[in-house]
Every structure is written in structure tokens, then in C-alpha cells.
Amino acid sequence: SKVDGRRLVFDVVAHDEVERIAEGL
């Protein structure tokens, strides 16, 4: 989601077979 020189920022998300179980950066 963002590149700041050598620093890279990712939006992260995880799902199991039923629902979203995590979100963040």
C-alpha cells in the first residue's frame, strides 16, 4: 500500500473457511 524509500507497507488480511480472522498492517 505504500513505498517510502526502502520501507514497504502492506495491508494484510487473513480468512479461514468461514470468516475474516485478521486484518492490519
mmCIF file of all heavy atoms, coordinates in Angstrom:
data_MODEL
# 
_entry.id   MODEL 
# 
loop_
_atom_site.group_PDB 
_atom_site.id 
_atom_site.type_symbol 
_atom_site.label_atom_id 
_atom_site.label_alt_id 
_atom_site.label_comp_id 
_atom_site.label_asym_id 
_atom_site.label_entity_id 
_atom_site.label_seq_id 
_atom_site.pdbx_PDB_ins_code 
_atom_site.Cartn_x 
_atom_site.Cartn_y 
_atom_site.Cartn_z 
_atom_site.occupancy 
_atom_site.B_iso_or_equiv 
_atom_site.pdbx_formal_charge 
_atom_site.auth_seq_id 
_atom_site.auth_comp_id 
_atom_site.auth_asym_id 
_atom_site.auth_atom_id 
_atom_site.pdbx_PDB_model_num 
ATOM 1   N N   . SER A 1 1  ? 0.802   -1.225  0.000  1.00 0.00 ? 1  SER A N   1 
ATOM 2   C CA  . SER A 1 1  ? 0.000   0.000   0.000  1.00 0.00 ? 1  SER A CA  1 
ATOM 3   C C   . SER A 1 1  ? 0.835   1.275   0.000  1.00 0.00 ? 1  SER A C   1 
ATOM 4   O O   . SER A 1 1  ? 0.332   2.345   -0.329 1.00 0.00 ? 1  SER A O   1 
ATOM 5   C CB  . SER A 1 1  ? -0.946  0.015   1.193  1.00 0.00 ? 1  SER A CB  1 
ATOM 6   O OG  . SER A 1 1  ? -0.229  -0.042  2.408  1.00 0.00 ? 1  SER A OG  1 
ATOM 7   N N   . LYS A 1 2  ? 2.123   1.158   0.382  1.00 0.00 ? 2  LYS A N   1 
ATOM 8   C CA  . LYS A 1 2  ? 2.955   2.366   0.431  1.00 0.00 ? 2  LYS A CA  1 
ATOM 9   C C   . LYS A 1 2  ? 4.421   1.979   0.271  1.00 0.00 ? 2  LYS A C   1 
ATOM 10  O O   . LYS A 1 2  ? 4.876   0.986   0.831  1.00 0.00 ? 2  LYS A O   1 
ATOM 11  C CB  . LYS A 1 2  ? 2.759   3.079   1.768  1.00 0.00 ? 2  LYS A CB  1 
ATOM 12  C CG  . LYS A 1 2  ? 3.542   4.369   1.911  1.00 0.00 ? 2  LYS A CG  1 
ATOM 13  C CD  . LYS A 1 2  ? 3.257   5.039   3.244  1.00 0.00 ? 2  LYS A CD  1 
ATOM 14  C CE  . LYS A 1 2  ? 4.027   6.348   3.359  1.00 0.00 ? 2  LYS A CE  1 
ATOM 15  N NZ  . LYS A 1 2  ? 3.800   6.984   4.669  1.00 0.00 ? 2  LYS A NZ  1 
ATOM 16  N N   . VAL A 1 3  ? 5.136   2.797   -0.502 1.00 0.00 ? 3  VAL A N   1 
ATOM 17  C CA  . VAL A 1 3  ? 6.582   2.650   -0.645 1.00 0.00 ? 3  VAL A CA  1 
ATOM 18  C C   . VAL A 1 3  ? 7.196   3.966   -0.209 1.00 0.00 ? 3  VAL A C   1 
ATOM 19  O O   . VAL A 1 3  ? 6.859   5.025   -0.730 1.00 0.00 ? 3  VAL A O   1 
ATOM 20  C CB  . VAL A 1 3  ? 6.979   2.328   -2.107 1.00 0.00 ? 3  VAL A CB  1 
ATOM 21  C CG1 . VAL A 1 3  ? 8.490   2.268   -2.242 1.00 0.00 ? 3  VAL A CG1 1 
ATOM 22  C CG2 . VAL A 1 3  ? 6.330   1.035   -2.564 1.00 0.00 ? 3  VAL A CG2 1 
ATOM 23  N N   . ASP A 1 4  ? 8.093   3.899   0.784  1.00 0.00 ? 4  ASP A N   1 
ATOM 24  C CA  . ASP A 1 4  ? 8.774   5.082   1.306  1.00 0.00 ? 4  ASP A CA  1 
ATOM 25  C C   . ASP A 1 4  ? 10.263  4.766   1.312  1.00 0.00 ? 4  ASP A C   1 
ATOM 26  O O   . ASP A 1 4  ? 10.800  4.281   2.310  1.00 0.00 ? 4  ASP A O   1 
ATOM 27  C CB  . ASP A 1 4  ? 8.255   5.401   2.708  1.00 0.00 ? 4  ASP A CB  1 
ATOM 28  C CG  . ASP A 1 4  ? 8.905   6.642   3.306  1.00 0.00 ? 4  ASP A CG  1 
ATOM 29  O OD1 . ASP A 1 4  ? 9.558   7.401   2.561  1.00 0.00 ? 4  ASP A OD1 1 
ATOM 30  O OD2 . ASP A 1 4  ? 8.767   6.847   4.533  1.00 0.00 ? 4  ASP A OD2 1 
ATOM 31  N N   . GLY A 1 5  ? 10.914  4.962   0.168  1.00 0.00 ? 5  GLY A N   1 
ATOM 32  C CA  . GLY A 1 5  ? 12.304  4.573   0.034  1.00 0.00 ? 5  GLY A CA  1 
ATOM 33  C C   . GLY A 1 5  ? 12.417  3.062   0.129  1.00 0.00 ? 5  GLY A C   1 
ATOM 34  O O   . GLY A 1 5  ? 11.790  2.341   -0.640 1.00 0.00 ? 5  GLY A O   1 
ATOM 35  N N   . ARG A 1 6  ? 13.197  2.575   1.118  1.00 0.00 ? 6  ARG A N   1 
ATOM 36  C CA  . ARG A 1 6  ? 13.363  1.132   1.309  1.00 0.00 ? 6  ARG A CA  1 
ATOM 37  C C   . ARG A 1 6  ? 12.244  0.533   2.168  1.00 0.00 ? 6  ARG A C   1 
ATOM 38  O O   . ARG A 1 6  ? 12.136  -0.672  2.276  1.00 0.00 ? 6  ARG A O   1 
ATOM 39  C CB  . ARG A 1 6  ? 14.712  0.843   1.967  1.00 0.00 ? 6  ARG A CB  1 
ATOM 40  C CG  . ARG A 1 6  ? 15.905  1.237   1.131  1.00 0.00 ? 6  ARG A CG  1 
ATOM 41  C CD  . ARG A 1 6  ? 17.248  0.902   1.773  1.00 0.00 ? 6  ARG A CD  1 
ATOM 42  N NE  . ARG A 1 6  ? 17.351  1.349   3.152  1.00 0.00 ? 6  ARG A NE  1 
ATOM 43  C CZ  . ARG A 1 6  ? 17.656  0.550   4.191  1.00 0.00 ? 6  ARG A CZ  1 
ATOM 44  N NH1 . ARG A 1 6  ? 17.905  -0.718  4.008  1.00 0.00 ? 6  ARG A NH1 1 
ATOM 45  N NH2 . ARG A 1 6  ? 17.744  1.042   5.406  1.00 0.00 ? 6  ARG A NH2 1 
ATOM 46  N N   . ARG A 1 7  ? 11.434  1.395   2.792  1.00 0.00 ? 7  ARG A N   1 
ATOM 47  C CA  . ARG A 1 7  ? 10.359  0.932   3.675  1.00 0.00 ? 7  ARG A CA  1 
ATOM 48  C C   . ARG A 1 7  ? 9.095   0.637   2.862  1.00 0.00 ? 7  ARG A C   1 
ATOM 49  O O   . ARG A 1 7  ? 8.639   1.460   2.075  1.00 0.00 ? 7  ARG A O   1 
ATOM 50  C CB  . ARG A 1 7  ? 10.052  1.984   4.742  1.00 0.00 ? 7  ARG A CB  1 
ATOM 51  C CG  . ARG A 1 7  ? 9.046   1.528   5.780  1.00 0.00 ? 7  ARG A CG  1 
ATOM 52  C CD  . ARG A 1 7  ? 8.881   2.582   6.878  1.00 0.00 ? 7  ARG A CD  1 
ATOM 53  N NE  . ARG A 1 7  ? 8.202   3.759   6.387  1.00 0.00 ? 7  ARG A NE  1 
ATOM 54  C CZ  . ARG A 1 7  ? 6.900   3.977   6.501  1.00 0.00 ? 7  ARG A CZ  1 
ATOM 55  N NH1 . ARG A 1 7  ? 6.124   3.098   7.092  1.00 0.00 ? 7  ARG A NH1 1 
ATOM 56  N NH2 . ARG A 1 7  ? 6.368   5.077   6.022  1.00 0.00 ? 7  ARG A NH2 1 
ATOM 57  N N   . LEU A 1 8  ? 8.559   -0.563  3.069  1.00 0.00 ? 8  LEU A N   1 
ATOM 58  C CA  . LEU A 1 8  ? 7.362   -1.005  2.353  1.00 0.00 ? 8  LEU A CA  1 
ATOM 59  C C   . LEU A 1 8  ? 6.258   -1.297  3.364  1.00 0.00 ? 8  LEU A C   1 
ATOM 60  O O   . LEU A 1 8  ? 6.496   -1.971  4.367  1.00 0.00 ? 8  LEU A O   1 
ATOM 61  C CB  . LEU A 1 8  ? 7.669   -2.275  1.562  1.00 0.00 ? 8  LEU A CB  1 
ATOM 62  C CG  . LEU A 1 8  ? 8.903   -2.226  0.657  1.00 0.00 ? 8  LEU A CG  1 
ATOM 63  C CD1 . LEU A 1 8  ? 9.182   -3.595  0.076  1.00 0.00 ? 8  LEU A CD1 1 
ATOM 64  C CD2 . LEU A 1 8  ? 8.723   -1.182  -0.426 1.00 0.00 ? 8  LEU A CD2 1 
ATOM 65  N N   . VAL A 1 9  ? 5.072   -0.799  3.099  1.00 0.00 ? 9  VAL A N   1 
ATOM 66  C CA  . VAL A 1 9  ? 3.933   -1.012  3.988  1.00 0.00 ? 9  VAL A CA  1 
ATOM 67  C C   . VAL A 1 9  ? 2.900   -1.863  3.267  1.00 0.00 ? 9  VAL A C   1 
ATOM 68  O O   . VAL A 1 9  ? 2.527   -1.558  2.128  1.00 0.00 ? 9  VAL A O   1 
ATOM 69  C CB  . VAL A 1 9  ? 3.296   0.325   4.437  1.00 0.00 ? 9  VAL A CB  1 
ATOM 70  C CG1 . VAL A 1 9  ? 2.121   0.075   5.365  1.00 0.00 ? 9  VAL A CG1 1 
ATOM 71  C CG2 . VAL A 1 9  ? 4.335   1.225   5.100  1.00 0.00 ? 9  VAL A CG2 1 
ATOM 72  N N   . PHE A 1 10 ? 2.455   -2.913  3.936  1.00 0.00 ? 10 PHE A N   1 
ATOM 73  C CA  . PHE A 1 10 ? 1.457   -3.824  3.382  1.00 0.00 ? 10 PHE A CA  1 
ATOM 74  C C   . PHE A 1 10 ? 0.185   -3.781  4.212  1.00 0.00 ? 10 PHE A C   1 
ATOM 75  O O   . PHE A 1 10 ? 0.244   -3.779  5.448  1.00 0.00 ? 10 PHE A O   1 
ATOM 76  C CB  . PHE A 1 10 ? 1.976   -5.275  3.417  1.00 0.00 ? 10 PHE A CB  1 
ATOM 77  C CG  . PHE A 1 10 ? 3.122   -5.532  2.498  1.00 0.00 ? 10 PHE A CG  1 
ATOM 78  C CD1 . PHE A 1 10 ? 4.426   -5.277  2.895  1.00 0.00 ? 10 PHE A CD1 1 
ATOM 79  C CD2 . PHE A 1 10 ? 2.901   -6.047  1.227  1.00 0.00 ? 10 PHE A CD2 1 
ATOM 80  C CE1 . PHE A 1 10 ? 5.490   -5.526  2.058  1.00 0.00 ? 10 PHE A CE1 1 
ATOM 81  C CE2 . PHE A 1 10 ? 3.963   -6.299  0.379  1.00 0.00 ? 10 PHE A CE2 1 
ATOM 82  C CZ  . PHE A 1 10 ? 5.250   -6.036  0.789  1.00 0.00 ? 10 PHE A CZ  1 
ATOM 83  N N   . ASP A 1 11 ? -0.942  -3.781  3.530  1.00 0.00 ? 11 ASP A N   1 
ATOM 84  C CA  . ASP A 1 11 ? -2.218  -4.069  4.182  1.00 0.00 ? 11 ASP A CA  1 
ATOM 85  C C   . ASP A 1 11 ? -2.332  -5.580  4.182  1.00 0.00 ? 11 ASP A C   1 
ATOM 86  O O   . ASP A 1 11 ? -2.152  -6.218  3.133  1.00 0.00 ? 11 ASP A O   1 
ATOM 87  C CB  . ASP A 1 11 ? -3.385  -3.451  3.404  1.00 0.00 ? 11 ASP A CB  1 
ATOM 88  C CG  . ASP A 1 11 ? -3.376  -1.932  3.462  1.00 0.00 ? 11 ASP A CG  1 
ATOM 89  O OD1 . ASP A 1 11 ? -3.034  -1.379  4.523  1.00 0.00 ? 11 ASP A OD1 1 
ATOM 90  O OD2 . ASP A 1 11 ? -3.695  -1.303  2.441  1.00 0.00 ? 11 ASP A OD2 1 
ATOM 91  N N   . VAL A 1 12 ? -2.622  -6.160  5.342  1.00 0.00 ? 12 VAL A N   1 
ATOM 92  C CA  . VAL A 1 12 ? -2.694  -7.616  5.453  1.00 0.00 ? 12 VAL A CA  1 
ATOM 93  C C   . VAL A 1 12 ? -4.074  -8.030  5.966  1.00 0.00 ? 12 VAL A C   1 
ATOM 94  O O   . VAL A 1 12 ? -4.707  -7.315  6.743  1.00 0.00 ? 12 VAL A O   1 
ATOM 95  C CB  . VAL A 1 12 ? -1.582  -8.179  6.367  1.00 0.00 ? 12 VAL A CB  1 
ATOM 96  C CG1 . VAL A 1 12 ? -0.220  -8.007  5.708  1.00 0.00 ? 12 VAL A CG1 1 
ATOM 97  C CG2 . VAL A 1 12 ? -1.597  -7.551  7.745  1.00 0.00 ? 12 VAL A CG2 1 
ATOM 98  N N   . VAL A 1 13 ? -4.502  -9.190  5.495  1.00 0.00 ? 13 VAL A N   1 
ATOM 99  C CA  . VAL A 1 13 ? -5.790  -9.740  5.895  1.00 0.00 ? 13 VAL A CA  1 
ATOM 100 C C   . VAL A 1 13 ? -5.688  -11.260 5.837  1.00 0.00 ? 13 VAL A C   1 
ATOM 101 O O   . VAL A 1 13 ? -4.924  -11.807 5.046  1.00 0.00 ? 13 VAL A O   1 
ATOM 102 C CB  . VAL A 1 13 ? -6.926  -9.216  4.982  1.00 0.00 ? 13 VAL A CB  1 
ATOM 103 C CG1 . VAL A 1 13 ? -6.743  -9.640  3.552  1.00 0.00 ? 13 VAL A CG1 1 
ATOM 104 C CG2 . VAL A 1 13 ? -8.282  -9.608  5.510  1.00 0.00 ? 13 VAL A CG2 1 
ATOM 105 N N   . ALA A 1 14 ? -6.444  -11.930 6.702  1.00 0.00 ? 14 ALA A N   1 
ATOM 106 C CA  . ALA A 1 14 ? -6.488  -13.392 6.671  1.00 0.00 ? 14 ALA A CA  1 
ATOM 107 C C   . ALA A 1 14 ? -7.912  -13.861 6.875  1.00 0.00 ? 14 ALA A C   1 
ATOM 108 O O   . ALA A 1 14 ? -8.690  -13.234 7.607  1.00 0.00 ? 14 ALA A O   1 
ATOM 109 C CB  . ALA A 1 14 ? -5.581  -13.989 7.743  1.00 0.00 ? 14 ALA A CB  1 
ATOM 110 N N   . HIS A 1 15 ? -8.241  -14.972 6.216  1.00 0.00 ? 15 HIS A N   1 
ATOM 111 C CA  . HIS A 1 15 ? -9.557  -15.601 6.323  1.00 0.00 ? 15 HIS A CA  1 
ATOM 112 C C   . HIS A 1 15 ? -9.385  -17.086 6.604  1.00 0.00 ? 15 HIS A C   1 
ATOM 113 O O   . HIS A 1 15 ? -8.443  -17.697 6.099  1.00 0.00 ? 15 HIS A O   1 
ATOM 114 C CB  . HIS A 1 15 ? -10.341 -15.471 5.006  1.00 0.00 ? 15 HIS A CB  1 
ATOM 115 C CG  . HIS A 1 15 ? -10.754 -14.077 4.676  1.00 0.00 ? 15 HIS A CG  1 
ATOM 116 N ND1 . HIS A 1 15 ? -9.901  -13.187 4.057  1.00 0.00 ? 15 HIS A ND1 1 
ATOM 117 C CD2 . HIS A 1 15 ? -11.913 -13.421 4.884  1.00 0.00 ? 15 HIS A CD2 1 
ATOM 118 C CE1 . HIS A 1 15 ? -10.542 -12.033 3.887  1.00 0.00 ? 15 HIS A CE1 1 
ATOM 119 N NE2 . HIS A 1 15 ? -11.754 -12.147 4.380  1.00 0.00 ? 15 HIS A NE2 1 
ATOM 120 N N   . ASP A 1 16 ? -10.294 -17.639 7.383  1.00 0.00 ? 16 ASP A N   1 
ATOM 121 C CA  . ASP A 1 16 ? -10.376 -19.094 7.434  1.00 0.00 ? 16 ASP A CA  1 
ATOM 122 C C   . ASP A 1 16 ? -11.495 -19.494 6.488  1.00 0.00 ? 16 ASP A C   1 
ATOM 123 O O   . ASP A 1 16 ? -11.920 -18.685 5.651  1.00 0.00 ? 16 ASP A O   1 
ATOM 124 C CB  . ASP A 1 16 ? -10.530 -19.628 8.868  1.00 0.00 ? 16 ASP A CB  1 
ATOM 125 C CG  . ASP A 1 16 ? -11.805 -19.181 9.580  1.00 0.00 ? 16 ASP A CG  1 
ATOM 126 O OD1 . ASP A 1 16 ? -12.797 -18.801 8.907  1.00 0.00 ? 16 ASP A OD1 1 
ATOM 127 O OD2 . ASP A 1 16 ? -11.814 -19.241 10.832 1.00 0.00 ? 16 ASP A OD2 1 
ATOM 128 N N   . GLU A 1 17 ? -11.981 -20.689 6.575  1.00 0.00 ? 17 GLU A N   1 
ATOM 129 C CA  . GLU A 1 17 ? -13.002 -21.155 5.634  1.00 0.00 ? 17 GLU A CA  1 
ATOM 130 C C   . GLU A 1 17 ? -14.377 -20.549 5.901  1.00 0.00 ? 17 GLU A C   1 
ATOM 131 O O   . GLU A 1 17 ? -15.290 -20.702 5.084  1.00 0.00 ? 17 GLU A O   1 
ATOM 132 C CB  . GLU A 1 17 ? -13.073 -22.674 5.685  1.00 0.00 ? 17 GLU A CB  1 
ATOM 133 C CG  . GLU A 1 17 ? -11.779 -23.334 5.223  1.00 0.00 ? 17 GLU A CG  1 
ATOM 134 C CD  . GLU A 1 17 ? -11.750 -24.823 5.508  1.00 0.00 ? 17 GLU A CD  1 
ATOM 135 O OE1 . GLU A 1 17 ? -12.729 -25.517 5.185  1.00 0.00 ? 17 GLU A OE1 1 
ATOM 136 O OE2 . GLU A 1 17 ? -10.724 -25.279 6.059  1.00 0.00 ? 17 GLU A OE2 1 
ATOM 137 N N   . VAL A 1 18 ? -14.501 -19.806 7.002  1.00 0.00 ? 18 VAL A N   1 
ATOM 138 C CA  . VAL A 1 18 ? -15.796 -19.247 7.378  1.00 0.00 ? 18 VAL A CA  1 
ATOM 139 C C   . VAL A 1 18 ? -15.813 -17.724 7.342  1.00 0.00 ? 18 VAL A C   1 
ATOM 140 O O   . VAL A 1 18 ? -16.786 -17.119 6.892  1.00 0.00 ? 18 VAL A O   1 
ATOM 141 C CB  . VAL A 1 18 ? -16.206 -19.747 8.790  1.00 0.00 ? 18 VAL A CB  1 
ATOM 142 C CG1 . VAL A 1 18 ? -17.489 -19.087 9.265  1.00 0.00 ? 18 VAL A CG1 1 
ATOM 143 C CG2 . VAL A 1 18 ? -16.348 -21.264 8.803  1.00 0.00 ? 18 VAL A CG2 1 
ATOM 144 N N   . GLU A 1 19 ? -14.739 -17.095 7.806  1.00 0.00 ? 19 GLU A N   1 
ATOM 145 C CA  . GLU A 1 19 ? -14.796 -15.646 8.006  1.00 0.00 ? 19 GLU A CA  1 
ATOM 146 C C   . GLU A 1 19 ? -13.406 -15.014 7.997  1.00 0.00 ? 19 GLU A C   1 
ATOM 147 O O   . GLU A 1 19 ? -12.390 -15.708 8.014  1.00 0.00 ? 19 GLU A O   1 
ATOM 148 C CB  . GLU A 1 19 ? -15.475 -15.329 9.342  1.00 0.00 ? 19 GLU A CB  1 
ATOM 149 C CG  . GLU A 1 19 ? -14.711 -15.867 10.543 1.00 0.00 ? 19 GLU A CG  1 
ATOM 150 C CD  . GLU A 1 19 ? -15.472 -15.749 11.843 1.00 0.00 ? 19 GLU A CD  1 
ATOM 151 O OE1 . GLU A 1 19 ? -16.304 -14.830 11.981 1.00 0.00 ? 19 GLU A OE1 1 
ATOM 152 O OE2 . GLU A 1 19 ? -15.247 -16.592 12.737 1.00 0.00 ? 19 GLU A OE2 1 
ATOM 153 N N   . ARG A 1 20 ? -13.413 -13.684 8.002  1.00 0.00 ? 20 ARG A N   1 
ATOM 154 C CA  . ARG A 1 20 ? -12.169 -12.919 8.159  1.00 0.00 ? 20 ARG A CA  1 
ATOM 155 C C   . ARG A 1 20 ? -11.702 -13.114 9.591  1.00 0.00 ? 20 ARG A C   1 
ATOM 156 O O   . ARG A 1 20 ? -12.468 -12.914 10.530 1.00 0.00 ? 20 ARG A O   1 
ATOM 157 C CB  . ARG A 1 20 ? -12.418 -11.439 7.882  1.00 0.00 ? 20 ARG A CB  1 
ATOM 158 C CG  . ARG A 1 20 ? -11.177 -10.573 8.084  1.00 0.00 ? 20 ARG A CG  1 
ATOM 159 C CD  . ARG A 1 20 ? -11.470 -9.120  7.820  1.00 0.00 ? 20 ARG A CD  1 
ATOM 160 N NE  . ARG A 1 20 ? -11.552 -8.936  6.388  1.00 0.00 ? 20 ARG A NE  1 
ATOM 161 C CZ  . ARG A 1 20 ? -11.170 -7.821  5.761  1.00 0.00 ? 20 ARG A CZ  1 
ATOM 162 N NH1 . ARG A 1 20 ? -10.717 -6.791  6.440  1.00 0.00 ? 20 ARG A NH1 1 
ATOM 163 N NH2 . ARG A 1 20 ? -11.269 -7.735  4.452  1.00 0.00 ? 20 ARG A NH2 1 
ATOM 164 N N   . ILE A 1 21 ? -10.427 -13.479 9.737  1.00 0.00 ? 21 ILE A N   1 
ATOM 165 C CA  . ILE A 1 21 ? -9.919  -13.708 11.089 1.00 0.00 ? 21 ILE A CA  1 
ATOM 166 C C   . ILE A 1 21 ? -8.851  -12.703 11.511 1.00 0.00 ? 21 ILE A C   1 
ATOM 167 O O   . ILE A 1 21 ? -8.500  -12.644 12.689 1.00 0.00 ? 21 ILE A O   1 
ATOM 168 C CB  . ILE A 1 21 ? -9.377  -15.151 11.256 1.00 0.00 ? 21 ILE A CB  1 
ATOM 169 C CG1 . ILE A 1 21 ? -8.173  -15.395 10.346 1.00 0.00 ? 21 ILE A CG1 1 
ATOM 170 C CG2 . ILE A 1 21 ? -10.485 -16.168 11.027 1.00 0.00 ? 21 ILE A CG2 1 
ATOM 171 C CD1 . ILE A 1 21 ? -7.365  -16.618 10.739 1.00 0.00 ? 21 ILE A CD1 1 
ATOM 172 N N   . ALA A 1 22 ? -8.349  -11.905 10.563 1.00 0.00 ? 22 ALA A N   1 
ATOM 173 C CA  . ALA A 1 22 ? -7.323  -10.920 10.918 1.00 0.00 ? 22 ALA A CA  1 
ATOM 174 C C   . ALA A 1 22 ? -7.264  -9.818  9.880  1.00 0.00 ? 22 ALA A C   1 
ATOM 175 O O   . ALA A 1 22 ? -7.589  -10.027 8.717  1.00 0.00 ? 22 ALA A O   1 
ATOM 176 C CB  . ALA A 1 22 ? -5.961  -11.589 11.031 1.00 0.00 ? 22 ALA A CB  1 
ATOM 177 N N   . GLU A 1 23 ? -6.803  -8.647  10.360 1.00 0.00 ? 23 GLU A N   1 
ATOM 178 C CA  . GLU A 1 23 ? -6.559  -7.518  9.471  1.00 0.00 ? 23 GLU A CA  1 
ATOM 179 C C   . GLU A 1 23 ? -5.552  -6.598  10.141 1.00 0.00 ? 23 GLU A C   1 
ATOM 180 O O   . GLU A 1 23 ? -5.416  -6.600  11.368 1.00 0.00 ? 23 GLU A O   1 
ATOM 181 C CB  . GLU A 1 23 ? -7.857  -6.767  9.164  1.00 0.00 ? 23 GLU A CB  1 
ATOM 182 C CG  . GLU A 1 23 ? -8.529  -6.178  10.396 1.00 0.00 ? 23 GLU A CG  1 
ATOM 183 C CD  . GLU A 1 23 ? -9.934  -5.667  10.128 1.00 0.00 ? 23 GLU A CD  1 
ATOM 184 O OE1 . GLU A 1 23 ? -10.554 -6.083  9.125  1.00 0.00 ? 23 GLU A OE1 1 
ATOM 185 O OE2 . GLU A 1 23 ? -10.403 -4.857  10.939 1.00 0.00 ? 23 GLU A OE2 1 
ATOM 186 N N   . GLY A 1 24 ? -4.825  -5.859  9.323  1.00 0.00 ? 24 GLY A N   1 
ATOM 187 C CA  . GLY A 1 24 ? -3.867  -4.931  9.887  1.00 0.00 ? 24 GLY A CA  1 
ATOM 188 C C   . GLY A 1 24 ? -2.836  -4.485  8.879  1.00 0.00 ? 24 GLY A C   1 
ATOM 189 O O   . GLY A 1 24 ? -3.116  -4.450  7.684  1.00 0.00 ? 24 GLY A O   1 
ATOM 190 N N   . LEU A 1 25 ? -1.645  -4.138  9.394  1.00 0.00 ? 25 LEU A N   1 
ATOM 191 C CA  . LEU A 1 25 ? -0.576  -3.718  8.501  1.00 0.00 ? 25 LEU A CA  1 
ATOM 192 C C   . LEU A 1 25 ? 0.728   -4.363  8.916  1.00 0.00 ? 25 LEU A C   1 
ATOM 193 O O   . LEU A 1 25 ? 0.899   -4.810  10.051 1.00 0.00 ? 25 LEU A O   1 
ATOM 194 C CB  . LEU A 1 25 ? -0.441  -2.196  8.438  1.00 0.00 ? 25 LEU A CB  1 
ATOM 195 C CG  . LEU A 1 25 ? 0.024   -1.434  9.662  1.00 0.00 ? 25 LEU A CG  1 
ATOM 196 C CD1 . LEU A 1 25 ? 1.529   -1.420  9.770  1.00 0.00 ? 25 LEU A CD1 1 
ATOM 197 C CD2 . LEU A 1 25 ? -0.471  -0.007  9.571  1.00 0.00 ? 25 LEU A CD2 1 
# 
